[in-house]
Amino acid sequence: MKTPGPDHPITIEPNPKRVRVVFNGRVVAETSRALTLKEASLQPVQYIPRADADMRHFVRSPHSTHCPYKGDAAYFSLSVDGRTADNAVWTYEAPFPAMAQIQEHLAFYPSRVDRIEEG
């Protein structure tokens, strides 16, 4: 486990805008409670509360990854009206203590969904 710091900063802040994720023309997640995670030089990521996602379209994947700063990520594929995007969504179900805010939140690969809207 690594702790974020000056050499690898990570910040998590509430996003004041409404965030909507669309896949195959359907809204699969929408919230006014997203968290924006900024990590080092990576693009900001919107983490959406699981309660604000339509989990009927999420299929648990056997895929997993490990981040030394956040912990172990579990993945979901999206399936809407016959279209599937494998491993399009990740979540940290038991993140390291420094990242506890993102527990029970979902993040989406922008390239695997139609769009992630903010506004």
PDB file of N, CA and C in Angstrom:
ATOM      1  N   MET A   1       0.848  -1.168   0.000  1.00  0.00           N
ATOM      2  CA  MET A   1       0.000   0.000   0.000  1.00  0.00           C
ATOM      3  C   MET A   1       0.892   1.229   0.000  1.00  0.00           C
ATOM      4  N   LYS A   2       0.599   2.150  -0.916  1.00  0.00           N
ATOM      5  CA  LYS A   2       1.319   3.412  -0.985  1.00  0.00           C
ATOM      6  C   LYS A   2       0.372   4.540  -0.606  1.00  0.00           C
ATOM      7  N   THR A   3       0.913   5.565   0.012  1.00  0.00           N
ATOM      8  CA  THR A   3       0.121   6.717   0.411  1.00  0.00           C
ATOM      9  C   THR A   3       0.336   7.850  -0.583  1.00  0.00           C
ATOM     10  N   PRO A   4      -0.753   8.462  -1.076  1.00  0.00           N
ATOM     11  CA  PRO A   4      -0.587   9.604  -1.973  1.00  0.00           C
ATOM     12  C   PRO A   4       0.234  10.700  -1.293  1.00  0.00           C
ATOM     13  N   GLY A   5       1.016  11.392  -2.084  1.00  0.00           N
ATOM     14  CA  GLY A   5       1.841  12.467  -1.555  1.00  0.00           C
ATOM     15  C   GLY A   5       2.350  13.333  -2.686  1.00  0.00           C
ATOM     16  N   PRO A   6       3.354  14.163  -2.414  1.00  0.00           N
ATOM     17  CA  PRO A   6       3.855  15.093  -3.435  1.00  0.00           C
ATOM     18  C   PRO A   6       4.337  14.402  -4.716  1.00  0.00           C
ATOM     19  N   ASP A   7       4.886  13.196  -4.590  1.00  0.00           N
ATOM     20  CA  ASP A   7       5.376  12.489  -5.771  1.00  0.00           C
ATOM     21  C   ASP A   7       4.247  11.817  -6.562  1.00  0.00           C
ATOM     22  N   HIS A   8       3.100  11.585  -5.929  1.00  0.00           N
ATOM     23  CA  HIS A   8       1.939  10.982  -6.580  1.00  0.00           C
ATOM     24  C   HIS A   8       0.668  11.500  -5.887  1.00  0.00           C
ATOM     25  N   PRO A   9       0.287  12.752  -6.203  1.00  0.00           N
ATOM     26  CA  PRO A   9      -0.877  13.325  -5.519  1.00  0.00           C
ATOM     27  C   PRO A   9      -2.197  12.735  -6.016  1.00  0.00           C
ATOM     28  N   ILE A  10      -3.114  12.543  -5.085  1.00  0.00           N
ATOM     29  CA  ILE A  10      -4.479  12.124  -5.410  1.00  0.00           C
ATOM     30  C   ILE A  10      -5.419  12.987  -4.575  1.00  0.00           C
ATOM     31  N   THR A  11      -6.383  13.612  -5.257  1.00  0.00           N
ATOM     32  CA  THR A  11      -7.402  14.388  -4.549  1.00  0.00           C
ATOM     33  C   THR A  11      -8.773  13.850  -4.938  1.00  0.00           C
ATOM     34  N   ILE A  12      -9.706  13.944  -3.997  1.00  0.00           N
ATOM     35  CA  ILE A  12     -11.092  13.540  -4.229  1.00  0.00           C
ATOM     36  C   ILE A  12     -11.967  14.686  -3.755  1.00  0.00           C
ATOM     37  N   GLU A  13     -12.790  15.217  -4.677  1.00  0.00           N
ATOM     38  CA  GLU A  13     -13.663  16.337  -4.339  1.00  0.00           C
ATOM     39  C   GLU A  13     -15.063  16.103  -4.892  1.00  0.00           C
ATOM     40  N   PRO A  14     -16.090  16.567  -4.189  1.00  0.00           N
ATOM     41  CA  PRO A  14     -17.444  16.467  -4.731  1.00  0.00           C
ATOM     42  C   PRO A  14     -17.539  17.274  -6.031  1.00  0.00           C
ATOM     43  N   ASN A  15     -18.216  16.712  -7.013  1.00  0.00           N
ATOM     44  CA  ASN A  15     -18.455  17.422  -8.269  1.00  0.00           C
ATOM     45  C   ASN A  15     -19.796  18.136  -8.136  1.00  0.00           C
ATOM     46  N   PRO A  16     -19.822  19.475  -8.256  1.00  0.00           N
ATOM     47  CA  PRO A  16     -21.085  20.207  -8.099  1.00  0.00           C
ATOM     48  C   PRO A  16     -22.036  20.042  -9.283  1.00  0.00           C
ATOM     49  N   LYS A  17     -21.546  19.449 -10.389  1.00  0.00           N
ATOM     50  CA  LYS A  17     -22.367  19.281 -11.583  1.00  0.00           C
ATOM     51  C   LYS A  17     -23.055  17.921 -11.591  1.00  0.00           C
ATOM     52  N   ARG A  18     -24.121  17.841 -12.367  1.00  0.00           N
ATOM     53  CA  ARG A  18     -24.801  16.572 -12.575  1.00  0.00           C
ATOM     54  C   ARG A  18     -23.966  15.758 -13.562  1.00  0.00           C
ATOM     55  N   VAL A  19     -23.770  14.487 -13.271  1.00  0.00           N
ATOM     56  CA  VAL A  19     -22.994  13.599 -14.133  1.00  0.00           C
ATOM     57  C   VAL A  19     -23.918  12.481 -14.613  1.00  0.00           C
ATOM     58  N   ARG A  20     -23.877  12.248 -15.922  1.00  0.00           N
ATOM     59  CA  ARG A  20     -24.726  11.220 -16.542  1.00  0.00           C
ATOM     60  C   ARG A  20     -23.851  10.364 -17.448  1.00  0.00           C
ATOM     61  N   VAL A  21     -24.051   9.039 -17.374  1.00  0.00           N
ATOM     62  CA  VAL A  21     -23.331   8.101 -18.234  1.00  0.00           C
ATOM     63  C   VAL A  21     -24.346   7.430 -19.144  1.00  0.00           C
ATOM     64  N   VAL A  22     -24.064   7.486 -20.454  1.00  0.00           N
ATOM     65  CA  VAL A  22     -24.962   6.915 -21.459  1.00  0.00           C
ATOM     66  C   VAL A  22     -24.230   5.791 -22.183  1.00  0.00           C
ATOM     67  N   PHE A  23     -24.913   4.645 -22.295  1.00  0.00           N
ATOM     68  CA  PHE A  23     -24.379   3.504 -23.035  1.00  0.00           C
ATOM     69  C   PHE A  23     -25.484   2.937 -23.913  1.00  0.00           C
ATOM     70  N   ASN A  24     -25.207   2.781 -25.188  1.00  0.00           N
ATOM     71  CA  ASN A  24     -26.165   2.279 -26.174  1.00  0.00           C
ATOM     72  C   ASN A  24     -27.477   3.070 -26.124  1.00  0.00           C
ATOM     73  N   GLY A  25     -27.336   4.384 -25.969  1.00  0.00           N
ATOM     74  CA  GLY A  25     -28.486   5.275 -25.965  1.00  0.00           C
ATOM     75  C   GLY A  25     -29.285   5.315 -24.682  1.00  0.00           C
ATOM     76  N   ARG A  26     -28.879   4.574 -23.675  1.00  0.00           N
ATOM     77  CA  ARG A  26     -29.613   4.515 -22.414  1.00  0.00           C
ATOM     78  C   ARG A  26     -28.775   5.089 -21.279  1.00  0.00           C
ATOM     79  N   VAL A  27     -29.404   5.851 -20.391  1.00  0.00           N
ATOM     80  CA  VAL A  27     -28.718   6.369 -19.209  1.00  0.00           C
ATOM     81  C   VAL A  27     -28.530   5.199 -18.244  1.00  0.00           C
ATOM     82  N   VAL A  28     -27.267   4.863 -17.956  1.00  0.00           N
ATOM     83  CA  VAL A  28     -26.989   3.750 -17.043  1.00  0.00           C
ATOM     84  C   VAL A  28     -26.585   4.250 -15.657  1.00  0.00           C
ATOM     85  N   ALA A  29     -26.264   5.542 -15.556  1.00  0.00           N
ATOM     86  CA  ALA A  29     -25.951   6.137 -14.260  1.00  0.00           C
ATOM     87  C   ALA A  29     -26.163   7.645 -14.368  1.00  0.00           C
ATOM     88  N   GLU A  30     -26.719   8.224 -13.304  1.00  0.00           N
ATOM     89  CA  GLU A  30     -26.940   9.665 -13.268  1.00  0.00           C
ATOM     90  C   GLU A  30     -26.954  10.111 -11.808  1.00  0.00           C
ATOM     91  N   THR A  31     -26.209  11.173 -11.533  1.00  0.00           N
ATOM     92  CA  THR A  31     -26.103  11.610 -10.146  1.00  0.00           C
ATOM     93  C   THR A  31     -25.751  13.077 -10.032  1.00  0.00           C
ATOM     94  N   SER A  32     -26.086  13.636  -8.903  1.00  0.00           N
ATOM     95  CA  SER A  32     -25.602  14.969  -8.521  1.00  0.00           C
ATOM     96  C   SER A  32     -24.643  14.809  -7.336  1.00  0.00           C
ATOM     97  N   ARG A  33     -24.191  13.563  -7.103  1.00  0.00           N
ATOM     98  CA  ARG A  33     -23.307  13.264  -5.967  1.00  0.00           C
ATOM     99  C   ARG A  33     -21.992  12.624  -6.399  1.00  0.00           C
ATOM    100  N   ALA A  34     -21.547  12.899  -7.627  1.00  0.00           N
ATOM    101  CA  ALA A  34     -20.291  12.319  -8.112  1.00  0.00           C
ATOM    102  C   ALA A  34     -19.101  12.891  -7.358  1.00  0.00           C
ATOM    103  N   LEU A  35     -18.061  12.090  -7.295  1.00  0.00           N
ATOM    104  CA  LEU A  35     -16.780  12.524  -6.751  1.00  0.00           C
ATOM    105  C   LEU A  35     -15.778  12.565  -7.900  1.00  0.00           C
ATOM    106  N   THR A  36     -15.017  13.646  -7.975  1.00  0.00           N
ATOM    107  CA  THR A  36     -13.972  13.762  -8.994  1.00  0.00           C
ATOM    108  C   THR A  36     -12.644  13.392  -8.361  1.00  0.00           C
ATOM    109  N   LEU A  37     -12.025  12.346  -8.903  1.00  0.00           N
ATOM    110  CA  LEU A  37     -10.728  11.908  -8.413  1.00  0.00           C
ATOM    111  C   LEU A  37      -9.673  12.357  -9.417  1.00  0.00           C
ATOM    112  N   LYS A  38      -8.702  13.118  -8.927  1.00  0.00           N
ATOM    113  CA  LYS A  38      -7.572  13.556  -9.750  1.00  0.00           C
ATOM    114  C   LYS A  38      -6.333  12.871  -9.205  1.00  0.00           C
ATOM    115  N   GLU A  39      -5.661  12.140 -10.100  1.00  0.00           N
ATOM    116  CA  GLU A  39      -4.497  11.355  -9.699  1.00  0.00           C
ATOM    117  C   GLU A  39      -3.302  11.702 -10.572  1.00  0.00           C
ATOM    118  N   ALA A  40      -2.295  12.281  -9.942  1.00  0.00           N
ATOM    119  CA  ALA A  40      -1.042  12.633 -10.616  1.00  0.00           C
ATOM    120  C   ALA A  40      -1.352  13.311 -11.949  1.00  0.00           C
ATOM    121  N   SER A  41      -0.770  12.822 -13.043  1.00  0.00           N
ATOM    122  CA  SER A  41      -0.958  13.459 -14.349  1.00  0.00           C
ATOM    123  C   SER A  41      -2.079  12.805 -15.163  1.00  0.00           C
ATOM    124  N   LEU A  42      -2.844  11.896 -14.574  1.00  0.00           N
ATOM    125  CA  LEU A  42      -3.933  11.220 -15.276  1.00  0.00           C
ATOM    126  C   LEU A  42      -5.140  12.142 -15.420  1.00  0.00           C
ATOM    127  N   GLN A  43      -6.008  11.824 -16.383  1.00  0.00           N
ATOM    128  CA  GLN A  43      -7.246  12.577 -16.561  1.00  0.00           C
ATOM    129  C   GLN A  43      -8.147  12.381 -15.331  1.00  0.00           C
ATOM    130  N   PRO A  44      -8.889  13.409 -14.917  1.00  0.00           N
ATOM    131  CA  PRO A  44      -9.825  13.251 -13.794  1.00  0.00           C
ATOM    132  C   PRO A  44     -10.859  12.169 -14.096  1.00  0.00           C
ATOM    133  N   VAL A  45     -11.276  11.464 -13.047  1.00  0.00           N
ATOM    134  CA  VAL A  45     -12.258  10.386 -13.172  1.00  0.00           C
ATOM    135  C   VAL A  45     -13.446  10.701 -12.276  1.00  0.00           C
ATOM    136  N   GLN A  46     -14.655  10.513 -12.836  1.00  0.00           N
ATOM    137  CA  GLN A  46     -15.875  10.706 -12.066  1.00  0.00           C
ATOM    138  C   GLN A  46     -16.261   9.386 -11.413  1.00  0.00           C
ATOM    139  N   TYR A  47     -16.414   9.396 -10.113  1.00  0.00           N
ATOM    140  CA  TYR A  47     -16.869   8.222  -9.367  1.00  0.00           C
ATOM    141  C   TYR A  47     -18.320   8.482  -8.958  1.00  0.00           C
ATOM    142  N   ILE A  48     -19.205   7.606  -9.410  1.00  0.00           N
ATOM    143  CA  ILE A  48     -20.639   7.766  -9.208  1.00  0.00           C
ATOM    144  C   ILE A  48     -21.113   6.772  -8.155  1.00  0.00           C
ATOM    145  N   PRO A  49     -21.912   7.239  -7.176  1.00  0.00           N
ATOM    146  CA  PRO A  49     -22.434   6.296  -6.179  1.00  0.00           C
ATOM    147  C   PRO A  49     -23.175   5.138  -6.849  1.00  0.00           C
ATOM    148  N   ARG A  50     -22.910   3.957  -6.377  1.00  0.00           N
ATOM    149  CA  ARG A  50     -23.557   2.764  -6.933  1.00  0.00           C
ATOM    150  C   ARG A  50     -25.076   2.887  -6.862  1.00  0.00           C
ATOM    151  N   ALA A  51     -25.580   3.542  -5.834  1.00  0.00           N
ATOM    152  CA  ALA A  51     -27.021   3.717  -5.675  1.00  0.00           C
ATOM    153  C   ALA A  51     -27.629   4.551  -6.801  1.00  0.00           C
ATOM    154  N   ASP A  52     -26.813   5.302  -7.530  1.00  0.00           N
ATOM    155  CA  ASP A  52     -27.304   6.153  -8.614  1.00  0.00           C
ATOM    156  C   ASP A  52     -27.072   5.533  -9.996  1.00  0.00           C
ATOM    157  N   ALA A  53     -26.801   4.243 -10.029  1.00  0.00           N
ATOM    158  CA  ALA A  53     -26.613   3.520 -11.293  1.00  0.00           C
ATOM    159  C   ALA A  53     -27.732   2.497 -11.460  1.00  0.00           C
ATOM    160  N   ASP A  54     -28.103   2.256 -12.701  1.00  0.00           N
ATOM    161  CA  ASP A  54     -29.118   1.246 -13.008  1.00  0.00           C
ATOM    162  C   ASP A  54     -28.402  -0.099 -13.113  1.00  0.00           C
ATOM    163  N   MET A  55     -28.241  -0.777 -11.990  1.00  0.00           N
ATOM    164  CA  MET A  55     -27.417  -1.979 -11.894  1.00  0.00           C
ATOM    165  C   MET A  55     -27.975  -3.158 -12.704  1.00  0.00           C
ATOM    166  N   ARG A  56     -29.181  -3.030 -13.259  1.00  0.00           N
ATOM    167  CA  ARG A  56     -29.711  -4.091 -14.123  1.00  0.00           C
ATOM    168  C   ARG A  56     -28.841  -4.290 -15.358  1.00  0.00           C
ATOM    169  N   HIS A  57     -28.076  -3.268 -15.734  1.00  0.00           N
ATOM    170  CA  HIS A  57     -27.258  -3.318 -16.949  1.00  0.00           C
ATOM    171  C   HIS A  57     -25.799  -3.674 -16.663  1.00  0.00           C
ATOM    172  N   PHE A  58     -25.475  -3.955 -15.413  1.00  0.00           N
ATOM    173  CA  PHE A  58     -24.101  -4.238 -15.007  1.00  0.00           C
ATOM    174  C   PHE A  58     -23.948  -5.735 -14.747  1.00  0.00           C
ATOM    175  N   VAL A  59     -22.923  -6.321 -15.337  1.00  0.00           N
ATOM    176  CA  VAL A  59     -22.658  -7.743 -15.179  1.00  0.00           C
ATOM    177  C   VAL A  59     -21.267  -7.886 -14.574  1.00  0.00           C
ATOM    178  N   ARG A  60     -21.183  -8.498 -13.403  1.00  0.00           N
ATOM    179  CA  ARG A  60     -19.890  -8.685 -12.725  1.00  0.00           C
ATOM    180  C   ARG A  60     -18.926  -9.430 -13.639  1.00  0.00           C
ATOM    181  N   SER A  61     -17.714  -8.950 -13.701  1.00  0.00           N
ATOM    182  CA  SER A  61     -16.671  -9.549 -14.532  1.00  0.00           C
ATOM    183  C   SER A  61     -15.661 -10.259 -13.633  1.00  0.00           C
ATOM    184  N   PRO A  62     -15.015 -11.295 -14.132  1.00  0.00           N
ATOM    185  CA  PRO A  62     -13.955 -11.929 -13.337  1.00  0.00           C
ATOM    186  C   PRO A  62     -12.662 -11.101 -13.328  1.00  0.00           C
ATOM    187  N   HIS A  63     -12.607 -10.074 -14.172  1.00  0.00           N
ATOM    188  CA  HIS A  63     -11.406  -9.235 -14.285  1.00  0.00           C
ATOM    189  C   HIS A  63     -11.191  -8.444 -12.992  1.00  0.00           C
ATOM    190  N   SER A  64      -9.937  -8.258 -12.614  1.00  0.00           N
ATOM    191  CA  SER A  64      -9.597  -7.411 -11.470  1.00  0.00           C
ATOM    192  C   SER A  64      -8.216  -6.814 -11.704  1.00  0.00           C
ATOM    193  N   THR A  65      -7.950  -5.711 -11.037  1.00  0.00           N
ATOM    194  CA  THR A  65      -6.632  -5.074 -11.096  1.00  0.00           C
ATOM    195  C   THR A  65      -6.276  -4.582  -9.701  1.00  0.00           C
ATOM    196  N   HIS A  66      -5.040  -4.199  -9.545  1.00  0.00           N
ATOM    197  CA  HIS A  66      -4.578  -3.679  -8.252  1.00  0.00           C
ATOM    198  C   HIS A  66      -3.901  -2.331  -8.469  1.00  0.00           C
ATOM    199  N   CYS A  67      -4.260  -1.362  -7.659  1.00  0.00           N
ATOM    200  CA  CYS A  67      -3.600  -0.059  -7.637  1.00  0.00           C
ATOM    201  C   CYS A  67      -2.905   0.061  -6.286  1.00  0.00           C
ATOM    202  N   PRO A  68      -1.610   0.372  -6.266  1.00  0.00           N
ATOM    203  CA  PRO A  68      -0.917   0.462  -4.982  1.00  0.00           C
ATOM    204  C   PRO A  68      -1.409   1.615  -4.108  1.00  0.00           C
ATOM    205  N   TYR A  69      -2.157   2.552  -4.702  1.00  0.00           N
ATOM    206  CA  TYR A  69      -2.669   3.703  -3.943  1.00  0.00           C
ATOM    207  C   TYR A  69      -4.124   3.539  -3.522  1.00  0.00           C
ATOM    208  N   LYS A  70      -4.914   2.796  -4.322  1.00  0.00           N
ATOM    209  CA  LYS A  70      -6.346   2.674  -4.048  1.00  0.00           C
ATOM    210  C   LYS A  70      -6.762   1.289  -3.570  1.00  0.00           C
ATOM    211  N   GLY A  71      -6.082   0.258  -4.022  1.00  0.00           N
ATOM    212  CA  GLY A  71      -6.427  -1.104  -3.619  1.00  0.00           C
ATOM    213  C   GLY A  71      -6.810  -1.955  -4.803  1.00  0.00           C
ATOM    214  N   ASP A  72      -7.644  -2.980  -4.559  1.00  0.00           N
ATOM    215  CA  ASP A  72      -8.059  -3.915  -5.596  1.00  0.00           C
ATOM    216  C   ASP A  72      -9.356  -3.439  -6.243  1.00  0.00           C
ATOM    217  N   ALA A  73      -9.344  -3.397  -7.571  1.00  0.00           N
ATOM    218  CA  ALA A  73     -10.523  -2.973  -8.323  1.00  0.00           C
ATOM    219  C   ALA A  73     -11.250  -4.193  -8.877  1.00  0.00           C
ATOM    220  N   ALA A  74     -12.564  -4.178  -8.710  1.00  0.00           N
ATOM    221  CA  ALA A  74     -13.441  -5.169  -9.339  1.00  0.00           C
ATOM    222  C   ALA A  74     -14.060  -4.501 -10.563  1.00  0.00           C
ATOM    223  N   TYR A  75     -14.511  -5.320 -11.518  1.00  0.00           N
ATOM    224  CA  TYR A  75     -15.021  -4.776 -12.779  1.00  0.00           C
ATOM    225  C   TYR A  75     -16.410  -5.291 -13.101  1.00  0.00           C
ATOM    226  N   PHE A  76     -17.125  -4.476 -13.890  1.00  0.00           N
ATOM    227  CA  PHE A  76     -18.415  -4.846 -14.445  1.00  0.00           C
ATOM    228  C   PHE A  76     -18.374  -4.598 -15.946  1.00  0.00           C
ATOM    229  N   SER A  77     -19.073  -5.433 -16.684  1.00  0.00           N
ATOM    230  CA  SER A  77     -19.352  -5.160 -18.091  1.00  0.00           C
ATOM    231  C   SER A  77     -20.740  -4.549 -18.146  1.00  0.00           C
ATOM    232  N   LEU A  78     -20.994  -3.765 -19.196  1.00  0.00           N
ATOM    233  CA  LEU A  78     -22.315  -3.185 -19.407  1.00  0.00           C
ATOM    234  C   LEU A  78     -23.010  -3.950 -20.516  1.00  0.00           C
ATOM    235  N   SER A  79     -24.310  -4.169 -20.351  1.00  0.00           N
ATOM    236  CA  SER A  79     -25.089  -4.851 -21.375  1.00  0.00           C
ATOM    237  C   SER A  79     -26.445  -4.158 -21.493  1.00  0.00           C
ATOM    238  N   VAL A  80     -26.682  -3.558 -22.670  1.00  0.00           N
ATOM    239  CA  VAL A  80     -27.932  -2.846 -22.927  1.00  0.00           C
ATOM    240  C   VAL A  80     -28.432  -3.205 -24.318  1.00  0.00           C
ATOM    241  N   ASP A  81     -29.628  -3.776 -24.384  1.00  0.00           N
ATOM    242  CA  ASP A  81     -30.301  -4.067 -25.657  1.00  0.00           C
ATOM    243  C   ASP A  81     -29.392  -4.769 -26.660  1.00  0.00           C
ATOM    244  N   GLY A  82     -28.692  -5.798 -26.208  1.00  0.00           N
ATOM    245  CA  GLY A  82     -27.874  -6.604 -27.094  1.00  0.00           C
ATOM    246  C   GLY A  82     -26.458  -6.095 -27.333  1.00  0.00           C
ATOM    247  N   ARG A  83     -26.130  -4.933 -26.833  1.00  0.00           N
ATOM    248  CA  ARG A  83     -24.768  -4.409 -26.967  1.00  0.00           C
ATOM    249  C   ARG A  83     -24.052  -4.560 -25.633  1.00  0.00           C
ATOM    250  N   THR A  84     -22.802  -5.027 -25.690  1.00  0.00           N
ATOM    251  CA  THR A  84     -22.020  -5.245 -24.473  1.00  0.00           C
ATOM    252  C   THR A  84     -20.688  -4.519 -24.569  1.00  0.00           C
ATOM    253  N   ALA A  85     -20.262  -3.964 -23.463  1.00  0.00           N
ATOM    254  CA  ALA A  85     -18.930  -3.366 -23.339  1.00  0.00           C
ATOM    255  C   ALA A  85     -18.240  -4.071 -22.177  1.00  0.00           C
ATOM    256  N   ASP A  86     -17.264  -4.897 -22.511  1.00  0.00           N
ATOM    257  CA  ASP A  86     -16.560  -5.664 -21.490  1.00  0.00           C
ATOM    258  C   ASP A  86     -15.715  -4.761 -20.593  1.00  0.00           C
ATOM    259  N   ASN A  87     -15.777  -5.034 -19.303  1.00  0.00           N
ATOM    260  CA  ASN A  87     -14.950  -4.345 -18.306  1.00  0.00           C
ATOM    261  C   ASN A  87     -14.997  -2.825 -18.459  1.00  0.00           C
ATOM    262  N   ALA A  88     -16.194  -2.298 -18.686  1.00  0.00           N
ATOM    263  CA  ALA A  88     -16.368  -0.866 -18.909  1.00  0.00           C
ATOM    264  C   ALA A  88     -16.383  -0.065 -17.614  1.00  0.00           C
ATOM    265  N   VAL A  89     -16.575  -0.752 -16.497  1.00  0.00           N
ATOM    266  CA  VAL A  89     -16.784  -0.085 -15.210  1.00  0.00           C
ATOM    267  C   VAL A  89     -15.878  -0.723 -14.167  1.00  0.00           C
ATOM    268  N   TRP A  90     -15.295   0.109 -13.311  1.00  0.00           N
ATOM    269  CA  TRP A  90     -14.524  -0.438 -12.199  1.00  0.00           C
ATOM    270  C   TRP A  90     -14.977   0.179 -10.894  1.00  0.00           C
ATOM    271  N   THR A  91     -14.666  -0.531  -9.819  1.00  0.00           N
ATOM    272  CA  THR A  91     -15.061  -0.091  -8.487  1.00  0.00           C
ATOM    273  C   THR A  91     -14.067  -0.620  -7.463  1.00  0.00           C
ATOM    274  N   TYR A  92     -13.840   0.156  -6.443  1.00  0.00           N
ATOM    275  CA  TYR A  92     -12.997  -0.271  -5.318  1.00  0.00           C
ATOM    276  C   TYR A  92     -13.940  -0.572  -4.158  1.00  0.00           C
ATOM    277  N   GLU A  93     -14.225  -1.847  -3.947  1.00  0.00           N
ATOM    278  CA  GLU A  93     -15.201  -2.237  -2.930  1.00  0.00           C
ATOM    279  C   GLU A  93     -14.631  -2.170  -1.525  1.00  0.00           C
ATOM    280  N   ALA A  94     -13.326  -2.276  -1.397  1.00  0.00           N
ATOM    281  CA  ALA A  94     -12.648  -2.154  -0.096  1.00  0.00           C
ATOM    282  C   ALA A  94     -11.349  -1.364  -0.317  1.00  0.00           C
ATOM    283  N   PRO A  95     -11.478  -0.067  -0.656  1.00  0.00           N
ATOM    284  CA  PRO A  95     -10.287   0.721  -0.950  1.00  0.00           C
ATOM    285  C   PRO A  95      -9.412   0.907   0.290  1.00  0.00           C
ATOM    286  N   PHE A  96      -8.157   1.252   0.042  1.00  0.00           N
ATOM    287  CA  PHE A  96      -7.259   1.570   1.147  1.00  0.00           C
ATOM    288  C   PHE A  96      -7.829   2.762   1.924  1.00  0.00           C
ATOM    289  N   PRO A  97      -7.499   2.893   3.204  1.00  0.00           N
ATOM    290  CA  PRO A  97      -8.087   3.941   4.043  1.00  0.00           C
ATOM    291  C   PRO A  97      -8.007   5.356   3.464  1.00  0.00           C
ATOM    292  N   ALA A  98      -6.917   5.708   2.809  1.00  0.00           N
ATOM    293  CA  ALA A  98      -6.775   7.065   2.263  1.00  0.00           C
ATOM    294  C   ALA A  98      -7.764   7.343   1.133  1.00  0.00           C
ATOM    295  N   MET A  99      -8.343   6.285   0.568  1.00  0.00           N
ATOM    296  CA  MET A  99      -9.278   6.420  -0.554  1.00  0.00           C
ATOM    297  C   MET A  99     -10.690   5.974  -0.180  1.00  0.00           C
ATOM    298  N   ALA A 100     -10.988   5.927   1.095  1.00  0.00           N
ATOM    299  CA  ALA A 100     -12.273   5.401   1.582  1.00  0.00           C
ATOM    300  C   ALA A 100     -13.480   6.085   0.950  1.00  0.00           C
ATOM    301  N   GLN A 101     -13.347   7.334   0.530  1.00  0.00           N
ATOM    302  CA  GLN A 101     -14.476   8.068  -0.059  1.00  0.00           C
ATOM    303  C   GLN A 101     -15.042   7.400  -1.311  1.00  0.00           C
ATOM    304  N   ILE A 102     -14.211   6.661  -2.056  1.00  0.00           N
ATOM    305  CA  ILE A 102     -14.696   6.084  -3.319  1.00  0.00           C
ATOM    306  C   ILE A 102     -15.340   4.706  -3.142  1.00  0.00           C
ATOM    307  N   GLN A 103     -15.384   4.221  -1.921  1.00  0.00           N
ATOM    308  CA  GLN A 103     -16.074   2.951  -1.683  1.00  0.00           C
ATOM    309  C   GLN A 103     -17.537   3.094  -2.081  1.00  0.00           C
ATOM    310  N   GLU A 104     -18.119   2.044  -2.666  1.00  0.00           N
ATOM    311  CA  GLU A 104     -19.510   2.038  -3.138  1.00  0.00           C
ATOM    312  C   GLU A 104     -19.743   3.019  -4.288  1.00  0.00           C
ATOM    313  N   HIS A 105     -18.669   3.362  -5.020  1.00  0.00           N
ATOM    314  CA  HIS A 105     -18.759   4.216  -6.204  1.00  0.00           C
ATOM    315  C   HIS A 105     -18.277   3.447  -7.428  1.00  0.00           C
ATOM    316  N   LEU A 106     -18.724   3.897  -8.598  1.00  0.00           N
ATOM    317  CA  LEU A 106     -18.381   3.276  -9.874  1.00  0.00           C
ATOM    318  C   LEU A 106     -17.694   4.294 -10.773  1.00  0.00           C
ATOM    319  N   ALA A 107     -16.715   3.844 -11.537  1.00  0.00           N
ATOM    320  CA  ALA A 107     -16.042   4.690 -12.520  1.00  0.00           C
ATOM    321  C   ALA A 107     -16.149   4.008 -13.884  1.00  0.00           C
ATOM    322  N   PHE A 108     -16.193   4.816 -14.933  1.00  0.00           N
ATOM    323  CA  PHE A 108     -16.451   4.324 -16.286  1.00  0.00           C
ATOM    324  C   PHE A 108     -15.315   4.710 -17.227  1.00  0.00           C
ATOM    325  N   TYR A 109     -14.912   3.774 -18.086  1.00  0.00           N
ATOM    326  CA  TYR A 109     -13.952   4.098 -19.137  1.00  0.00           C
ATOM    327  C   TYR A 109     -14.689   4.904 -20.209  1.00  0.00           C
ATOM    328  N   PRO A 110     -14.275   6.146 -20.464  1.00  0.00           N
ATOM    329  CA  PRO A 110     -14.967   6.959 -21.475  1.00  0.00           C
ATOM    330  C   PRO A 110     -15.009   6.304 -22.856  1.00  0.00           C
ATOM    331  N   SER A 111     -13.999   5.528 -23.201  1.00  0.00           N
ATOM    332  CA  SER A 111     -13.956   4.889 -24.517  1.00  0.00           C
ATOM    333  C   SER A 111     -14.889   3.683 -24.627  1.00  0.00           C
ATOM    334  N   ARG A 112     -15.472   3.243 -23.523  1.00  0.00           N
ATOM    335  CA  ARG A 112     -16.325   2.054 -23.554  1.00  0.00           C
ATOM    336  C   ARG A 112     -17.807   2.366 -23.356  1.00  0.00           C
ATOM    337  N   VAL A 113     -18.120   3.644 -23.196  1.00  0.00           N
ATOM    338  CA  VAL A 113     -19.512   4.085 -23.102  1.00  0.00           C
ATOM    339  C   VAL A 113     -19.741   5.119 -24.205  1.00  0.00           C
ATOM    340  N   ASP A 114     -21.007   5.467 -24.465  1.00  0.00           N
ATOM    341  CA  ASP A 114     -21.289   6.474 -25.488  1.00  0.00           C
ATOM    342  C   ASP A 114     -20.729   7.830 -25.067  1.00  0.00           C
ATOM    343  N   ARG A 115     -21.018   8.190 -23.819  1.00  0.00           N
ATOM    344  CA  ARG A 115     -20.529   9.479 -23.322  1.00  0.00           C
ATOM    345  C   ARG A 115     -20.726   9.584 -21.821  1.00  0.00           C
ATOM    346  N   ILE A 116     -19.900  10.445 -21.237  1.00  0.00           N
ATOM    347  CA  ILE A 116     -20.039  10.838 -19.832  1.00  0.00           C
ATOM    348  C   ILE A 116     -20.289  12.344 -19.869  1.00  0.00           C
ATOM    349  N   GLU A 117     -21.478  12.738 -19.460  1.00  0.00           N
ATOM    350  CA  GLU A 117     -21.870  14.148 -19.530  1.00  0.00           C
ATOM    351  C   GLU A 117     -21.733  14.802 -18.162  1.00  0.00           C
ATOM    352  N   GLU A 118     -21.262  16.040 -18.160  1.00  0.00           N
ATOM    353  CA  GLU A 118     -21.231  16.850 -16.944  1.00  0.00           C
ATOM    354  C   GLU A 118     -21.943  18.154 -17.230  1.00  0.00           C
ATOM    355  N   GLY A 119     -22.877  18.505 -16.337  1.00  0.00           N
ATOM    356  CA  GLY A 119     -23.500  19.811 -16.558  1.00  0.00           C
ATOM    357  C   GLY A 119     -24.895  19.908 -16.060  1.00  0.00           C
TER     358      GLY A 119
END
